Amino acid sequence: MSEQEKQQPEVKAEKAAKPAKAAKKKPGFFSRVARWFREMKSELKKVQWPTWKQTWNNTLTVIACVIIVGIFLWVFDWVARLIIQALPALVSAIRG
């Protein structure tokens, strides 16, 4: 028997199994949404939520970082504006 002949019965068996899988019906939209919410609720129970003190400390850290980055950007913008304003005078001095 050749290799192809040996594989043909397996292919037929796989084709016969497909209709059984097709008979399983996909759950409806609302049942899938309900299942999703149940699973989400289950996962949220496992979350270790921060304390109020940790939340407050994290909030203050974020506010401080935003202020520091804002000041840095303001200084950078101010220096860049001074350089751009000085360029025309510098170019005219070089051209003489």
Protein backbone atom coordinates (compact mmCIF):
# COMPACT_ATOMS: atom_id res chain seq x y z
CA MET A 1 0.00 0.00 0.00
CA SER A 2 1.34 3.46 -0.85
CA GLU A 3 1.57 6.37 1.58
CA GLN A 4 -1.33 8.17 -0.07
CA GLU A 5 -3.62 5.17 0.29
CA LYS A 6 -2.77 4.91 3.99
CA GLN A 7 -3.63 8.58 4.55
CA GLN A 8 -6.96 8.53 2.70
CA PRO A 9 -8.95 6.71 5.44
CA GLU A 10 -7.69 9.28 7.98
CA VAL A 11 -8.87 12.14 5.76
CA LYS A 12 -12.31 10.52 5.43
CA ALA A 13 -12.54 10.13 9.20
CA GLU A 14 -11.70 13.82 9.69
CA LYS A 15 -14.37 14.84 7.17
CA ALA A 16 -16.93 12.71 8.98
CA ALA A 17 -16.07 14.42 12.29
CA LYS A 18 -16.66 17.92 10.91
CA PRO A 19 -20.48 17.70 10.73
CA ALA A 20 -20.55 16.81 14.42
CA LYS A 21 -18.64 20.00 15.21
CA ALA A 22 -20.94 22.00 12.93
CA ALA A 23 -23.91 20.75 14.96
CA LYS A 24 -22.63 22.67 18.00
CA LYS A 25 -24.29 26.04 17.92
CA LYS A 26 -22.49 29.25 18.81
CA PRO A 27 -23.99 30.90 21.90
CA GLY A 28 -26.09 33.98 21.32
CA PHE A 29 -24.78 37.52 21.61
CA PHE A 30 -26.42 38.28 24.95
CA SER A 31 -25.28 35.04 26.54
CA ARG A 32 -21.70 35.79 25.45
CA VAL A 33 -21.94 39.32 26.87
CA ALA A 34 -23.35 37.97 30.15
CA ARG A 35 -20.54 35.41 30.36
CA TRP A 36 -17.98 38.14 29.72
CA PHE A 37 -19.37 40.25 32.59
CA ARG A 38 -19.36 37.24 34.95
CA GLU A 39 -15.73 36.50 34.09
CA MET A 40 -14.80 40.17 34.46
CA LYS A 41 -16.42 40.32 37.89
CA SER A 42 -14.54 37.19 38.90
CA GLU A 43 -11.22 38.68 37.77
CA LEU A 44 -11.87 42.01 39.53
CA LYS A 45 -12.33 40.14 42.82
CA LYS A 46 -8.73 38.89 42.43
CA VAL A 47 -7.28 42.40 42.03
CA GLN A 48 -5.31 43.79 44.95
CA TRP A 49 -6.55 47.36 45.12
CA PRO A 50 -4.24 50.10 46.51
CA THR A 51 -4.94 51.74 49.84
CA TRP A 52 -5.99 55.38 50.06
CA LYS A 53 -2.50 56.30 51.27
CA GLN A 54 -0.88 54.60 48.25
CA THR A 55 -3.37 56.30 45.93
CA TRP A 56 -2.68 59.70 47.48
CA ASN A 57 1.11 59.22 47.25
CA ASN A 58 0.87 58.12 43.62
CA THR A 59 -1.36 61.09 42.80
CA LEU A 60 1.09 63.54 44.36
CA THR A 61 3.97 61.90 42.48
CA VAL A 62 2.14 62.25 39.17
CA ILE A 63 1.29 65.90 39.87
CA ALA A 64 4.93 66.67 40.79
CA CYS A 65 6.20 64.96 37.61
CA VAL A 66 3.72 66.90 35.46
CA ILE A 67 4.83 70.18 37.03
CA ILE A 68 8.55 69.36 36.57
CA VAL A 69 8.08 68.33 32.93
CA GLY A 70 5.93 71.44 32.33
CA ILE A 71 8.66 73.69 33.72
CA PHE A 72 11.29 71.90 31.62
CA LEU A 73 9.22 72.37 28.45
CA TRP A 74 8.57 76.02 29.29
CA VAL A 75 12.32 76.68 29.76
CA PHE A 76 13.17 74.79 26.55
CA ASP A 77 10.53 76.76 24.61
CA TRP A 78 11.82 80.05 26.04
CA VAL A 79 15.45 79.24 25.09
CA ALA A 80 14.41 78.04 21.61
CA ARG A 81 12.43 81.25 21.06
CA LEU A 82 15.43 83.39 22.08
CA ILE A 83 17.69 81.48 19.69
CA ILE A 84 15.22 81.80 16.81
CA GLN A 85 14.78 85.51 17.47
CA ALA A 86 18.56 86.00 17.52
CA LEU A 87 19.14 84.17 14.21
CA PRO A 88 18.15 87.05 11.86
CA ALA A 89 20.47 89.47 13.68
CA LEU A 90 23.28 86.90 13.59
CA VAL A 91 22.80 86.21 9.87
CA SER A 92 22.74 89.93 9.01
CA ALA A 93 25.93 90.48 11.07
CA ILE A 94 27.68 87.66 9.21
CA ARG A 95 26.65 88.98 5.76
CA GLY A 96 27.92 92.36 6.80
